[in-house]
């Protein structure tokens, strides 16, 4: 495991956001959703592709708060431009479990 300095971690902006739209992403190599996430007034909305179809339906995702990195550069994923990185953890079977606040917080709240 590589150790990092506190300043390295402090540069990563992890914020809570609410999923406000979920669309299919048929062009993705592996099944994925195209998400639109509201990070509040300061950050605004961002879009992301997430390979979370194993555990999460469109209906289950709408209105859910998640945690995402919002200060990565945009990344082209096929025909889609991803603007943030939704965080999750892989189970033993490979399914991704989303990282989310246990209680609601204002959208845009940074990890403390």
N, C-alpha and C. Protein backbone atom coordinates (compact mmCIF):
# COMPACT_ATOMS: atom_id res chain seq x y z
N UNK A 1 0.84 -1.16 0.00
CA UNK A 1 0.00 0.00 0.00
C UNK A 1 0.90 1.24 0.00
N UNK A 2 0.63 2.15 -0.94
CA UNK A 2 1.36 3.41 -0.99
C UNK A 2 0.76 4.39 -0.01
N UNK A 3 1.60 4.98 0.82
CA UNK A 3 1.14 6.01 1.75
C UNK A 3 1.08 7.34 1.02
N UNK A 4 0.09 8.16 1.38
CA UNK A 4 -0.04 9.49 0.80
C UNK A 4 0.05 10.51 1.93
N UNK A 5 0.31 11.72 1.55
CA UNK A 5 0.34 12.82 2.51
C UNK A 5 -1.08 13.36 2.69
N UNK A 6 -1.32 14.00 3.83
CA UNK A 6 -2.64 14.59 4.10
C UNK A 6 -3.04 15.54 2.98
N UNK A 7 -2.10 16.33 2.48
CA UNK A 7 -2.42 17.29 1.42
C UNK A 7 -2.92 16.59 0.15
N UNK A 8 -2.42 15.37 -0.13
CA UNK A 8 -2.91 14.61 -1.29
C UNK A 8 -4.39 14.31 -1.12
N UNK A 9 -4.76 13.81 0.06
CA UNK A 9 -6.16 13.48 0.31
C UNK A 9 -7.02 14.73 0.33
N UNK A 10 -6.53 15.80 0.90
CA UNK A 10 -7.31 17.04 1.02
C UNK A 10 -7.66 17.63 -0.33
N UNK A 11 -6.90 17.32 -1.37
CA UNK A 11 -7.18 17.84 -2.71
C UNK A 11 -8.37 17.13 -3.37
N UNK A 12 -8.74 15.94 -2.90
CA UNK A 12 -9.86 15.19 -3.46
C UNK A 12 -11.16 15.74 -2.88
N UNK A 13 -12.01 16.27 -3.74
CA UNK A 13 -13.27 16.85 -3.28
C UNK A 13 -14.38 15.81 -3.41
N UNK A 14 -14.68 15.14 -2.29
CA UNK A 14 -15.75 14.14 -2.21
C UNK A 14 -16.99 14.84 -1.65
N UNK A 15 -18.07 14.83 -2.43
CA UNK A 15 -19.29 15.55 -2.02
C UNK A 15 -20.51 14.67 -2.16
N UNK A 16 -21.50 14.96 -1.34
CA UNK A 16 -22.80 14.29 -1.43
C UNK A 16 -23.62 14.95 -2.53
N UNK A 17 -24.37 14.14 -3.24
CA UNK A 17 -25.28 14.64 -4.27
C UNK A 17 -26.47 13.72 -4.39
N UNK A 18 -27.56 14.26 -4.92
CA UNK A 18 -28.79 13.48 -5.10
C UNK A 18 -28.99 13.16 -6.57
N UNK A 19 -29.24 11.89 -6.86
CA UNK A 19 -29.48 11.45 -8.24
C UNK A 19 -30.85 11.96 -8.67
N UNK A 20 -30.87 12.75 -9.74
CA UNK A 20 -32.13 13.34 -10.21
C UNK A 20 -32.59 12.78 -11.55
N UNK A 21 -31.71 12.04 -12.23
CA UNK A 21 -32.11 11.41 -13.50
C UNK A 21 -31.25 10.19 -13.74
N UNK A 22 -31.87 9.14 -14.28
CA UNK A 22 -31.18 7.89 -14.59
C UNK A 22 -31.60 7.46 -15.99
N UNK A 23 -30.62 7.28 -16.87
CA UNK A 23 -30.90 6.86 -18.23
C UNK A 23 -30.11 5.60 -18.56
N UNK A 24 -30.64 4.81 -19.48
CA UNK A 24 -29.91 3.63 -19.95
C UNK A 24 -28.68 4.08 -20.73
N UNK A 25 -27.68 3.22 -20.78
CA UNK A 25 -26.44 3.50 -21.49
C UNK A 25 -26.11 2.28 -22.36
N UNK A 26 -26.88 2.09 -23.44
CA UNK A 26 -26.70 0.88 -24.25
C UNK A 26 -25.35 0.80 -24.96
N UNK A 27 -24.67 1.93 -25.13
CA UNK A 27 -23.37 1.92 -25.82
C UNK A 27 -22.22 1.48 -24.90
N UNK A 28 -22.46 1.38 -23.61
CA UNK A 28 -21.40 1.01 -22.67
C UNK A 28 -20.95 -0.43 -22.91
N UNK A 29 -19.66 -0.67 -22.71
CA UNK A 29 -19.12 -2.02 -22.87
C UNK A 29 -19.70 -2.97 -21.84
N UNK A 30 -19.83 -2.51 -20.60
CA UNK A 30 -20.46 -3.29 -19.53
C UNK A 30 -21.71 -2.53 -19.11
N UNK A 31 -22.75 -3.22 -18.68
CA UNK A 31 -24.00 -2.54 -18.32
C UNK A 31 -23.76 -1.39 -17.34
N UNK A 32 -24.36 -0.25 -17.66
CA UNK A 32 -24.16 0.94 -16.84
C UNK A 32 -25.38 1.85 -16.96
N UNK A 33 -25.50 2.74 -16.00
CA UNK A 33 -26.51 3.81 -16.04
C UNK A 33 -25.80 5.13 -16.31
N UNK A 34 -26.49 6.04 -16.99
CA UNK A 34 -26.05 7.44 -17.09
C UNK A 34 -26.83 8.19 -16.03
N UNK A 35 -26.12 8.79 -15.09
CA UNK A 35 -26.73 9.47 -13.96
C UNK A 35 -26.55 10.99 -14.08
N UNK A 36 -27.58 11.72 -13.68
CA UNK A 36 -27.46 13.16 -13.47
C UNK A 36 -27.63 13.38 -11.98
N UNK A 37 -26.67 14.09 -11.39
CA UNK A 37 -26.60 14.22 -9.93
C UNK A 37 -26.59 15.71 -9.57
N UNK A 38 -27.43 16.07 -8.61
CA UNK A 38 -27.49 17.45 -8.12
C UNK A 38 -26.58 17.59 -6.92
N UNK A 39 -25.55 18.45 -7.07
CA UNK A 39 -24.61 18.71 -5.98
C UNK A 39 -24.84 20.07 -5.35
N UNK A 40 -26.02 20.61 -5.50
CA UNK A 40 -26.35 21.87 -4.85
C UNK A 40 -25.95 23.08 -5.67
N UNK A 41 -26.24 24.24 -5.11
CA UNK A 41 -26.08 25.51 -5.83
C UNK A 41 -24.63 25.81 -6.22
N UNK A 42 -23.68 25.53 -5.34
CA UNK A 42 -22.28 25.89 -5.61
C UNK A 42 -21.67 25.04 -6.74
N UNK A 43 -21.90 23.73 -6.72
CA UNK A 43 -21.32 22.82 -7.72
C UNK A 43 -22.25 22.64 -8.91
N UNK A 44 -23.55 22.58 -8.66
CA UNK A 44 -24.52 22.37 -9.73
C UNK A 44 -24.73 20.90 -10.03
N UNK A 45 -25.25 20.61 -11.21
CA UNK A 45 -25.48 19.22 -11.60
C UNK A 45 -24.29 18.71 -12.40
N UNK A 46 -24.02 17.44 -12.23
CA UNK A 46 -22.96 16.76 -12.97
C UNK A 46 -23.51 15.42 -13.46
N UNK A 47 -22.91 14.92 -14.54
CA UNK A 47 -23.32 13.62 -15.08
C UNK A 47 -22.19 12.62 -14.88
N UNK A 48 -22.59 11.36 -14.73
CA UNK A 48 -21.61 10.30 -14.54
C UNK A 48 -22.17 8.99 -15.07
N UNK A 49 -21.28 8.13 -15.53
CA UNK A 49 -21.64 6.77 -15.90
C UNK A 49 -21.27 5.87 -14.74
N UNK A 50 -22.17 4.95 -14.39
CA UNK A 50 -21.89 4.06 -13.26
C UNK A 50 -22.31 2.64 -13.58
N UNK A 51 -21.39 1.71 -13.38
CA UNK A 51 -21.66 0.29 -13.63
C UNK A 51 -22.25 -0.33 -12.37
N UNK A 52 -23.51 0.02 -12.12
CA UNK A 52 -24.18 -0.38 -10.87
C UNK A 52 -25.52 -1.04 -11.16
N UNK A 53 -25.69 -1.55 -12.38
CA UNK A 53 -26.98 -2.13 -12.77
C UNK A 53 -27.27 -3.45 -12.07
N UNK A 54 -26.24 -4.12 -11.55
CA UNK A 54 -26.47 -5.41 -10.87
C UNK A 54 -27.34 -5.24 -9.63
N UNK A 55 -27.14 -4.14 -8.90
CA UNK A 55 -27.83 -3.96 -7.62
C UNK A 55 -28.89 -2.87 -7.63
N UNK A 56 -28.83 -1.95 -8.60
CA UNK A 56 -29.69 -0.77 -8.53
C UNK A 56 -30.51 -0.58 -9.81
N UNK A 57 -31.82 -0.51 -9.64
CA UNK A 57 -32.71 -0.19 -10.76
C UNK A 57 -32.83 1.32 -10.89
N UNK A 58 -33.36 1.77 -12.00
CA UNK A 58 -33.59 3.20 -12.20
C UNK A 58 -34.43 3.76 -11.06
N UNK A 59 -35.53 3.08 -10.73
CA UNK A 59 -36.42 3.58 -9.68
C UNK A 59 -35.73 3.63 -8.31
N UNK A 60 -34.87 2.65 -8.03
CA UNK A 60 -34.18 2.63 -6.75
C UNK A 60 -33.17 3.78 -6.64
N UNK A 61 -32.61 4.20 -7.76
CA UNK A 61 -31.58 5.24 -7.75
C UNK A 61 -32.14 6.66 -7.66
N UNK A 62 -33.29 6.89 -8.29
CA UNK A 62 -33.85 8.24 -8.30
C UNK A 62 -34.10 8.75 -6.89
N UNK A 63 -33.56 9.92 -6.60
CA UNK A 63 -33.75 10.53 -5.29
C UNK A 63 -32.75 10.09 -4.24
N UNK A 64 -31.84 9.16 -4.58
CA UNK A 64 -30.86 8.67 -3.60
C UNK A 64 -29.66 9.59 -3.54
N UNK A 65 -29.16 9.80 -2.33
CA UNK A 65 -27.91 10.54 -2.17
C UNK A 65 -26.75 9.57 -2.33
N UNK A 66 -25.69 10.06 -2.96
CA UNK A 66 -24.48 9.28 -3.16
C UNK A 66 -23.28 10.16 -2.82
N UNK A 67 -22.11 9.58 -2.85
CA UNK A 67 -20.86 10.31 -2.64
C UNK A 67 -20.05 10.22 -3.93
N UNK A 68 -19.55 11.35 -4.40
CA UNK A 68 -18.79 11.37 -5.65
C UNK A 68 -17.61 12.32 -5.56
N UNK A 69 -16.59 12.03 -6.36
CA UNK A 69 -15.46 12.94 -6.53
C UNK A 69 -15.88 13.95 -7.60
N UNK A 70 -15.86 15.23 -7.25
CA UNK A 70 -16.36 16.25 -8.18
C UNK A 70 -15.25 17.10 -8.79
N UNK A 71 -13.99 16.85 -8.43
CA UNK A 71 -12.92 17.68 -9.00
C UNK A 71 -11.94 16.89 -9.87
N UNK A 72 -12.39 15.78 -10.44
CA UNK A 72 -11.62 15.13 -11.51
C UNK A 72 -11.91 15.85 -12.81
N UNK A 73 -10.98 15.80 -13.78
CA UNK A 73 -11.32 16.34 -15.09
C UNK A 73 -12.40 15.47 -15.75
N UNK A 74 -13.13 16.06 -16.69
CA UNK A 74 -14.15 15.30 -17.43
C UNK A 74 -13.47 14.15 -18.16
N UNK A 75 -14.24 13.05 -18.35
CA UNK A 75 -13.70 11.87 -19.03
C UNK A 75 -14.70 11.37 -20.05
N UNK A 76 -14.24 11.18 -21.28
CA UNK A 76 -15.09 10.66 -22.34
C UNK A 76 -15.22 9.15 -22.17
N UNK A 77 -16.46 8.67 -22.08
CA UNK A 77 -16.74 7.24 -21.98
C UNK A 77 -17.65 6.90 -23.16
N UNK A 78 -17.05 6.42 -24.25
CA UNK A 78 -17.81 6.21 -25.47
C UNK A 78 -18.41 7.54 -25.91
N UNK A 79 -19.72 7.57 -26.18
CA UNK A 79 -20.36 8.81 -26.61
C UNK A 79 -20.76 9.73 -25.45
N UNK A 80 -20.40 9.38 -24.23
CA UNK A 80 -20.86 10.08 -23.04
C UNK A 80 -19.70 10.78 -22.34
N UNK A 81 -19.93 12.01 -21.87
CA UNK A 81 -18.91 12.75 -21.13
C UNK A 81 -19.23 12.68 -19.64
N UNK A 82 -18.37 12.00 -18.88
CA UNK A 82 -18.55 11.87 -17.44
C UNK A 82 -17.90 13.07 -16.76
N UNK A 83 -18.62 13.67 -15.80
CA UNK A 83 -18.17 14.90 -15.15
C UNK A 83 -17.82 14.72 -13.67
N UNK A 84 -18.03 13.53 -13.14
CA UNK A 84 -17.68 13.23 -11.75
C UNK A 84 -17.54 11.72 -11.62
N UNK A 85 -17.00 11.28 -10.50
CA UNK A 85 -16.81 9.85 -10.26
C UNK A 85 -17.66 9.42 -9.07
N UNK A 86 -18.69 8.65 -9.33
CA UNK A 86 -19.53 8.10 -8.27
C UNK A 86 -18.73 7.01 -7.57
N UNK A 87 -18.74 7.02 -6.24
CA UNK A 87 -17.92 6.06 -5.49
C UNK A 87 -18.73 4.84 -5.08
N UNK A 88 -18.04 3.71 -5.04
CA UNK A 88 -18.65 2.46 -4.63
C UNK A 88 -17.59 1.47 -4.23
N UNK A 89 -18.04 0.35 -3.71
CA UNK A 89 -17.15 -0.72 -3.28
C UNK A 89 -17.58 -2.02 -3.93
N UNK A 90 -16.61 -2.79 -4.40
CA UNK A 90 -16.92 -4.05 -5.08
C UNK A 90 -17.11 -5.16 -4.07
N UNK A 91 -18.22 -5.89 -4.23
CA UNK A 91 -18.44 -7.09 -3.43
C UNK A 91 -17.62 -8.22 -4.04
N UNK A 92 -17.61 -9.37 -3.36
CA UNK A 92 -16.87 -10.54 -3.87
C UNK A 92 -17.38 -10.98 -5.23
N UNK A 93 -18.69 -10.79 -5.50
CA UNK A 93 -19.24 -11.20 -6.80
C UNK A 93 -19.05 -10.15 -7.88
N UNK A 94 -18.38 -9.05 -7.55
CA UNK A 94 -18.11 -8.00 -8.53
C UNK A 94 -19.15 -6.89 -8.58
N UNK A 95 -20.30 -7.08 -7.95
CA UNK A 95 -21.33 -6.04 -7.93
C UNK A 95 -20.83 -4.85 -7.11
N UNK A 96 -21.16 -3.65 -7.56
CA UNK A 96 -20.72 -2.43 -6.89
C UNK A 96 -21.80 -1.92 -5.95
N UNK A 97 -21.42 -1.68 -4.71
CA UNK A 97 -22.29 -1.11 -3.68
C UNK A 97 -21.95 0.37 -3.56
N UNK A 98 -22.92 1.24 -3.74
CA UNK A 98 -22.67 2.67 -3.68
C UNK A 98 -22.27 3.13 -2.29
N UNK A 99 -21.41 4.15 -2.24
CA UNK A 99 -21.06 4.82 -1.00
C UNK A 99 -22.00 6.01 -0.86
N UNK A 100 -22.62 6.14 0.31
CA UNK A 100 -23.62 7.19 0.52
C UNK A 100 -23.67 7.59 1.98
N UNK A 101 -24.10 8.83 2.26
CA UNK A 101 -24.29 9.23 3.66
C UNK A 101 -25.38 8.37 4.30
N UNK A 102 -25.23 8.07 5.57
CA UNK A 102 -26.24 7.27 6.27
C UNK A 102 -27.46 8.10 6.63
N UNK A 103 -27.31 9.40 6.71
CA UNK A 103 -28.39 10.33 6.97
C UNK A 103 -28.35 11.41 5.90
N UNK A 104 -29.48 12.02 5.54
CA UNK A 104 -29.46 13.07 4.52
C UNK A 104 -28.61 14.27 4.95
N UNK A 105 -27.88 14.83 4.00
CA UNK A 105 -27.11 16.05 4.19
C UNK A 105 -27.42 16.96 3.00
N UNK A 106 -27.16 18.26 3.11
CA UNK A 106 -27.39 19.12 1.96
C UNK A 106 -26.53 18.70 0.77
N UNK A 107 -27.10 18.71 -0.43
CA UNK A 107 -26.33 18.39 -1.62
C UNK A 107 -25.14 19.33 -1.73
N UNK A 108 -23.98 18.76 -2.05
CA UNK A 108 -22.75 19.52 -2.13
C UNK A 108 -21.92 19.46 -0.87
N UNK A 109 -22.45 18.87 0.19
CA UNK A 109 -21.68 18.75 1.43
C UNK A 109 -20.45 17.90 1.19
N UNK A 110 -19.29 18.45 1.59
CA UNK A 110 -18.03 17.75 1.38
C UNK A 110 -17.75 16.77 2.51
N UNK A 111 -17.05 15.71 2.20
CA UNK A 111 -16.61 14.75 3.21
C UNK A 111 -15.74 15.49 4.21
N UNK A 112 -16.01 15.28 5.48
CA UNK A 112 -15.25 15.98 6.53
C UNK A 112 -14.27 15.03 7.18
